[in-house]
N, C-alpha and C. Protein backbone atom coordinates (compact mmCIF):
# COMPACT_ATOMS: atom_id res chain seq x y z
N MET A 1 -5.37 11.76 -13.58
CA MET A 1 -4.26 12.01 -13.26
C MET A 1 -3.42 10.90 -12.06
N LYS A 2 -2.31 10.74 -12.16
CA LYS A 2 -1.89 9.66 -11.12
C LYS A 2 -1.50 10.57 -9.93
N PRO A 3 -1.27 9.47 -8.86
CA PRO A 3 -1.15 10.42 -7.51
C PRO A 3 0.57 10.71 -8.13
N LEU A 4 1.15 11.62 -6.96
CA LEU A 4 2.23 12.31 -7.41
C LEU A 4 3.28 11.68 -6.49
N SER A 5 2.92 11.11 -5.15
CA SER A 5 3.73 10.76 -4.33
C SER A 5 3.12 9.37 -3.37
N VAL A 6 4.23 8.50 -3.09
CA VAL A 6 3.64 7.10 -2.58
C VAL A 6 5.03 6.89 -1.32
N VAL A 7 4.39 6.38 -0.27
CA VAL A 7 5.14 5.70 0.79
C VAL A 7 5.09 4.51 0.92
N VAL A 8 6.29 3.77 1.05
CA VAL A 8 6.35 2.00 0.62
C VAL A 8 6.76 1.64 1.88
N PHE A 9 6.07 0.77 2.80
CA PHE A 9 6.28 0.37 3.93
C PHE A 9 6.29 -1.26 3.88
N GLN A 10 7.31 -2.13 3.41
CA GLN A 10 7.35 -3.60 3.13
C GLN A 10 8.31 -4.02 4.38
N SER A 11 8.23 -5.42 4.67
CA SER A 11 8.99 -5.87 5.49
C SER A 11 10.44 -6.67 5.03
N ASP A 12 10.28 -6.88 3.52
CA ASP A 12 11.51 -7.89 2.85
C ASP A 12 11.93 -6.69 2.31
N ARG A 13 13.33 -6.17 2.84
CA ARG A 13 14.43 -5.32 1.98
C ARG A 13 14.18 -5.31 0.70
N ASN A 14 14.33 -6.81 -0.02
CA ASN A 14 14.65 -6.95 -1.54
C ASN A 14 13.04 -6.56 -2.25
N CYS A 15 11.90 -7.06 -1.47
CA CYS A 15 10.68 -6.79 -2.41
C CYS A 15 10.52 -5.15 -2.27
N ALA A 16 10.83 -4.54 -1.04
CA ALA A 16 10.80 -3.26 -1.13
C ALA A 16 11.30 -2.49 -2.30
N GLU A 17 12.70 -2.73 -2.11
CA GLU A 17 13.75 -2.36 -3.52
C GLU A 17 13.11 -2.73 -4.92
N SER A 18 12.69 -3.80 -4.99
CA SER A 18 12.05 -4.07 -6.45
C SER A 18 10.74 -3.35 -6.60
N LEU A 19 9.67 -3.36 -5.85
CA LEU A 19 8.53 -2.72 -5.88
C LEU A 19 9.17 -1.06 -5.89
N VAL A 20 9.87 -0.43 -5.09
CA VAL A 20 10.12 0.72 -5.35
C VAL A 20 10.27 1.23 -6.73
N LYS A 21 11.52 0.26 -7.15
CA LYS A 21 11.93 0.49 -8.82
C LYS A 21 10.65 0.56 -9.53
N SER A 22 9.80 -0.33 -9.47
CA SER A 22 8.63 -0.41 -10.59
C SER A 22 7.87 0.55 -9.92
N LEU A 23 7.37 1.17 -8.79
CA LEU A 23 6.79 2.32 -8.82
C LEU A 23 7.22 3.69 -9.11
N TYR A 24 8.55 3.68 -9.42
CA TYR A 24 8.98 5.20 -9.84
C TYR A 24 8.48 5.39 -11.32
N THR A 25 8.10 4.04 -12.20
CA THR A 25 7.45 4.62 -13.44
C THR A 25 5.82 4.84 -13.27
N HIS A 26 5.16 4.98 -12.28
CA HIS A 26 4.05 5.28 -11.91
C HIS A 26 3.86 6.67 -11.38
N PHE A 27 4.57 6.71 -10.29
CA PHE A 27 4.66 8.05 -9.17
C PHE A 27 5.82 8.84 -9.35
N ARG A 28 5.68 10.22 -9.11
CA ARG A 28 6.87 10.82 -9.44
C ARG A 28 7.51 10.97 -8.03
N VAL A 29 7.08 10.65 -6.83
CA VAL A 29 7.93 10.32 -5.72
C VAL A 29 7.71 9.21 -5.10
N VAL A 30 8.34 8.48 -4.79
CA VAL A 30 8.53 7.29 -4.00
C VAL A 30 9.50 7.23 -2.77
N ASN A 31 9.04 7.13 -1.75
CA ASN A 31 9.78 6.84 -0.40
C ASN A 31 9.63 5.71 0.24
N VAL A 32 10.45 5.33 0.93
CA VAL A 32 10.71 4.35 1.78
C VAL A 32 10.35 4.58 3.18
N ALA A 33 9.45 3.78 4.00
CA ALA A 33 9.49 4.24 5.61
C ALA A 33 10.00 2.75 6.36
N CYS A 34 10.91 2.94 7.10
CA CYS A 34 11.51 1.95 7.99
C CYS A 34 10.53 1.28 8.95
N ASP A 35 9.37 1.93 9.52
CA ASP A 35 8.81 1.26 10.66
C ASP A 35 7.54 2.35 10.31
N LEU A 36 6.45 1.70 11.45
CA LEU A 36 5.14 2.38 11.55
C LEU A 36 5.05 3.57 11.70
N GLU A 37 6.29 4.19 12.31
CA GLU A 37 6.24 5.66 12.91
C GLU A 37 6.80 6.29 11.95
N ASP A 38 7.68 5.83 11.04
CA ASP A 38 8.39 6.79 10.00
C ASP A 38 7.20 6.82 8.97
N LEU A 39 6.51 5.71 8.59
CA LEU A 39 5.45 5.67 7.66
C LEU A 39 4.24 6.87 8.03
N LYS A 40 3.89 7.12 9.40
CA LYS A 40 3.20 8.17 9.86
C LYS A 40 3.64 9.31 9.53
N ARG A 41 4.85 9.50 9.96
CA ARG A 41 5.56 11.07 9.63
C ARG A 41 5.54 11.06 8.09
N SER A 42 6.15 10.03 7.19
CA SER A 42 6.21 10.33 6.11
C SER A 42 5.00 10.90 5.20
N ILE A 43 3.79 10.30 5.41
CA ILE A 43 2.45 10.56 4.75
C ILE A 43 2.44 11.91 4.73
N PRO A 44 2.49 12.63 6.04
CA PRO A 44 2.14 14.17 5.60
C PRO A 44 3.66 15.05 5.02
N GLN A 45 4.81 14.28 5.38
CA GLN A 45 6.02 15.01 4.93
C GLN A 45 6.49 15.16 3.45
N HIS A 46 5.73 14.12 2.71
CA HIS A 46 5.63 13.92 1.39
C HIS A 46 4.52 14.04 0.79
N SER A 47 3.60 14.60 1.38
CA SER A 47 2.27 14.66 1.16
C SER A 47 1.82 13.85 0.17
N ALA A 48 1.84 12.40 0.80
CA ALA A 48 1.52 10.99 0.16
C ALA A 48 0.46 11.04 -0.24
N ASP A 49 -0.09 10.59 -1.48
CA ASP A 49 -1.39 10.04 -1.98
C ASP A 49 -1.71 8.94 -1.89
N ALA A 50 -0.84 8.04 -1.56
CA ALA A 50 -1.15 6.37 -0.99
C ALA A 50 0.16 6.07 -0.49
N ALA A 51 -0.22 5.09 0.39
CA ALA A 51 0.46 4.32 1.23
C ALA A 51 0.52 2.61 0.92
N ILE A 52 1.72 2.12 0.70
CA ILE A 52 1.84 0.70 0.30
C ILE A 52 2.29 -0.09 1.56
N VAL A 53 1.27 -0.64 2.44
CA VAL A 53 1.50 -1.40 3.87
C VAL A 53 1.38 -2.79 3.78
N ASP A 54 2.68 -3.38 4.24
CA ASP A 54 3.00 -5.07 4.18
C ASP A 54 2.14 -5.36 5.41
N LEU A 55 1.32 -6.29 5.32
CA LEU A 55 0.50 -6.66 6.41
C LEU A 55 1.73 -7.93 6.95
N GLU A 56 2.86 -8.15 6.55
CA GLU A 56 3.53 -9.08 7.50
C GLU A 56 4.31 -8.24 8.39
N PHE A 57 4.27 -6.93 7.96
CA PHE A 57 5.14 -6.18 8.89
C PHE A 57 4.30 -5.33 9.78
N THR A 58 3.10 -5.22 9.64
CA THR A 58 2.07 -4.57 10.84
C THR A 58 0.71 -5.36 10.24
N GLY A 59 -0.29 -4.84 11.13
CA GLY A 59 -1.51 -5.55 11.63
C GLY A 59 -2.74 -4.85 10.97
N LEU A 60 -3.90 -5.65 10.86
CA LEU A 60 -5.04 -4.72 10.56
C LEU A 60 -5.55 -3.69 11.28
N GLU A 61 -5.44 -3.25 12.67
CA GLU A 61 -5.55 -2.71 13.64
C GLU A 61 -4.74 -1.43 13.37
N ASP A 62 -3.55 -1.54 12.93
CA ASP A 62 -2.60 -0.34 12.45
C ASP A 62 -3.07 0.22 10.92
N VAL A 63 -3.52 -0.76 10.15
CA VAL A 63 -4.32 -0.26 8.86
C VAL A 63 -5.60 0.62 9.23
N ARG A 64 -6.20 0.23 10.02
CA ARG A 64 -7.69 1.03 10.71
C ARG A 64 -6.73 2.32 11.23
N GLN A 65 -6.12 2.20 11.97
CA GLN A 65 -5.65 3.52 12.24
C GLN A 65 -4.92 4.56 11.28
N LEU A 66 -4.48 3.92 10.64
CA LEU A 66 -3.82 5.03 9.41
C LEU A 66 -5.03 5.50 8.62
N HIS A 67 -6.11 4.61 8.29
CA HIS A 67 -7.29 4.93 7.71
C HIS A 67 -7.87 6.17 8.34
N GLN A 68 -7.93 6.23 9.78
CA GLN A 68 -8.55 7.35 10.31
C GLN A 68 -7.69 8.42 10.53
N GLU A 69 -6.28 8.21 10.51
CA GLU A 69 -5.79 9.38 10.46
C GLU A 69 -5.20 10.23 9.52
N PHE A 70 -5.39 9.04 8.34
CA PHE A 70 -5.01 9.89 6.56
C PHE A 70 -6.25 9.26 6.01
N PRO A 71 -7.50 9.79 6.05
CA PRO A 71 -8.49 9.29 5.32
C PRO A 71 -8.42 9.68 3.79
N ALA A 72 -7.59 10.51 3.36
CA ALA A 72 -7.37 11.22 2.01
C ALA A 72 -6.56 10.36 1.22
N ILE A 73 -5.65 9.57 1.85
CA ILE A 73 -4.98 8.70 1.16
C ILE A 73 -5.39 7.26 0.83
N SER A 74 -4.88 6.55 -0.08
CA SER A 74 -5.14 5.08 -0.66
C SER A 74 -4.25 4.59 0.18
N ILE A 75 -4.61 3.61 0.78
CA ILE A 75 -3.86 2.57 1.68
C ILE A 75 -4.22 1.35 0.96
N VAL A 76 -2.91 0.71 0.29
CA VAL A 76 -2.73 -0.52 -0.46
C VAL A 76 -1.73 -1.59 0.62
N CYS A 77 -2.70 -2.73 0.75
CA CYS A 77 -2.02 -3.74 1.67
C CYS A 77 -1.08 -4.64 0.81
N THR A 78 -0.40 -5.36 1.40
CA THR A 78 0.47 -6.51 0.45
C THR A 78 0.57 -7.56 1.40
N HIS A 79 0.57 -8.69 0.81
CA HIS A 79 0.86 -9.61 1.52
C HIS A 79 1.85 -10.69 0.51
N ARG A 80 2.80 -11.55 0.92
CA ARG A 80 3.16 -12.20 -0.25
C ARG A 80 2.16 -13.71 -0.45
N LEU A 81 1.41 -14.08 0.50
CA LEU A 81 0.49 -14.78 0.77
C LEU A 81 -1.10 -14.23 0.76
N ALA A 82 -1.38 -12.79 0.02
CA ALA A 82 -2.73 -12.51 0.04
C ALA A 82 -3.80 -13.31 -0.53
N ASP A 83 -5.15 -13.51 0.35
CA ASP A 83 -6.01 -14.55 -0.26
C ASP A 83 -7.15 -13.71 0.25
N GLU A 84 -8.19 -14.21 -0.35
CA GLU A 84 -9.80 -13.47 -0.23
C GLU A 84 -10.04 -12.83 1.27
N LEU A 85 -9.78 -13.95 2.16
CA LEU A 85 -10.21 -13.48 3.58
C LEU A 85 -9.36 -12.32 3.97
N MET A 86 -7.98 -12.31 3.56
CA MET A 86 -7.01 -10.87 4.04
C MET A 86 -7.55 -9.84 3.33
N TRP A 87 -7.90 -9.95 2.26
CA TRP A 87 -8.29 -8.99 1.33
C TRP A 87 -9.72 -8.50 1.89
N THR A 88 -10.36 -9.10 2.51
CA THR A 88 -11.99 -8.77 2.97
C THR A 88 -11.37 -8.14 4.29
N ASN A 89 -10.82 -8.58 5.14
CA ASN A 89 -10.24 -7.72 6.34
C ASN A 89 -9.65 -6.61 6.27
N ALA A 90 -8.58 -6.58 5.04
CA ALA A 90 -8.24 -5.12 4.89
C ALA A 90 -9.11 -4.50 4.29
N LEU A 91 -10.06 -4.61 3.33
CA LEU A 91 -10.87 -3.65 3.12
C LEU A 91 -11.65 -3.03 4.28
N ALA A 92 -12.14 -3.98 4.99
CA ALA A 92 -12.99 -3.81 6.10
C ALA A 92 -12.03 -2.84 7.11
N ALA A 93 -10.96 -2.82 7.26
CA ALA A 93 -9.83 -2.22 7.82
C ALA A 93 -9.90 -0.38 7.25
N GLY A 94 -10.39 -0.67 6.01
CA GLY A 94 -9.87 0.83 5.68
C GLY A 94 -8.98 1.07 4.32
N ALA A 95 -8.51 -0.19 4.08
CA ALA A 95 -7.66 -0.41 2.78
C ALA A 95 -8.34 -0.50 1.32
N ALA A 96 -7.62 0.31 0.38
CA ALA A 96 -8.27 0.55 -0.75
C ALA A 96 -8.37 -0.93 -1.52
N ASP A 97 -7.31 -1.47 -0.99
CA ASP A 97 -6.94 -3.11 -1.67
C ASP A 97 -6.15 -3.72 -0.76
N CYS A 98 -5.93 -5.38 -1.49
CA CYS A 98 -4.56 -6.03 -0.74
C CYS A 98 -4.47 -7.06 -1.74
N CYS A 99 -3.05 -7.03 -2.00
CA CYS A 99 -2.85 -7.48 -3.21
C CYS A 99 -1.17 -8.16 -2.63
N SER A 100 -1.09 -9.03 -3.72
CA SER A 100 0.11 -9.90 -3.60
C SER A 100 1.36 -8.98 -3.62
N SER A 101 2.35 -9.05 -2.73
CA SER A 101 3.49 -8.10 -2.77
C SER A 101 4.16 -8.23 -4.28
N SER A 102 4.01 -8.97 -5.01
CA SER A 102 4.73 -9.27 -6.16
C SER A 102 3.86 -8.77 -7.19
N ASP A 103 2.86 -8.38 -6.74
CA ASP A 103 1.80 -7.67 -8.13
C ASP A 103 1.85 -6.26 -8.27
N VAL A 104 2.85 -5.93 -9.04
CA VAL A 104 2.70 -4.41 -8.92
C VAL A 104 1.59 -3.86 -9.77
N ARG A 105 1.30 -4.31 -10.78
CA ARG A 105 0.12 -3.99 -11.69
C ARG A 105 -1.04 -3.50 -10.45
N ALA A 106 -1.44 -4.68 -9.79
CA ALA A 106 -2.65 -4.56 -8.74
C ALA A 106 -2.10 -3.35 -7.87
N ILE A 107 -1.08 -3.08 -7.42
CA ILE A 107 -0.70 -2.35 -6.29
C ILE A 107 -1.04 -0.90 -7.01
N VAL A 108 -0.61 -0.58 -8.22
CA VAL A 108 -0.61 0.40 -8.59
C VAL A 108 -2.01 0.97 -9.02
N LEU A 109 -2.85 -0.16 -9.57
CA LEU A 109 -4.12 0.10 -9.83
C LEU A 109 -4.91 0.84 -8.48
N ALA A 110 -4.58 -0.10 -7.33
CA ALA A 110 -5.29 0.27 -6.18
C ALA A 110 -4.83 1.74 -5.59
N ALA A 111 -3.69 2.05 -5.90
CA ALA A 111 -3.20 3.11 -5.35
C ALA A 111 -3.56 4.18 -5.89
N THR A 112 -3.95 4.00 -7.43
CA THR A 112 -4.57 5.28 -8.15
C THR A 112 -5.91 5.31 -8.22
N HIS A 113 -6.32 4.53 -7.72
CA HIS A 113 -7.92 4.68 -7.60
C HIS A 113 -8.72 4.02 -8.98
N THR A 114 -7.79 3.44 -9.75
CA THR A 114 -8.38 2.89 -11.18
C THR A 114 -9.43 1.68 -10.86
N PRO A 115 -10.49 1.95 -11.12
CA PRO A 115 -11.27 0.61 -11.45
C PRO A 115 -10.71 -0.60 -12.09
N HIS A 116 -10.90 -1.65 -11.31
CA HIS A 116 -10.66 -3.02 -11.63
C HIS A 116 -11.45 -3.68 -10.86
N LEU A 117 -11.18 -5.42 -11.16
CA LEU A 117 -11.85 -6.37 -10.87
C LEU A 117 -11.54 -6.56 -9.40
N PRO A 118 -12.42 -6.55 -8.10
CA PRO A 118 -12.14 -6.87 -7.15
C PRO A 118 -11.34 -8.26 -6.73
N HIS A 119 -10.60 -8.26 -5.82
CA HIS A 119 -9.43 -9.24 -5.63
C HIS A 119 -9.07 -10.19 -6.64
N SER A 120 -9.29 -9.83 -7.95
CA SER A 120 -8.94 -10.53 -9.22
C SER A 120 -7.37 -10.99 -9.21
N HIS A 121 -6.48 -10.53 -8.23
CA HIS A 121 -4.90 -10.80 -7.82
C HIS A 121 -4.86 -11.80 -6.32
N ALA A 122 -5.96 -11.70 -5.56
CA ALA A 122 -5.76 -12.69 -4.49
C ALA A 122 -5.46 -13.98 -4.88
N ALA A 123 -4.99 -14.81 -4.04
CA ALA A 123 -4.55 -16.52 -4.33
C ALA A 123 -5.68 -17.11 -4.53
């Protein structure tokens, strides 16, 4: 069963809008957070199953705190220049994956916990 709700926290408005449009085909509810505090409020408010977090907008320490505060959700980090080191650090911080912000397929796979090849999408 696919997750019902996801919260998107992206730095680039155009990227966020494109991602949101794509995610609507995979999730019942897609919400956009304006800042980190809005993200933290939106997760319980919308019973989010996943959070898509832009590492250009926030840091790995924030990802670590989100994972501690919301251990039951899947946190998917994105970055326009995602690489293997970033992927390793994101997973160490508690993320389910770290994907290129334009790789909707990888983001959806990570958010839904669908098994896939690790960091196959990293640059």
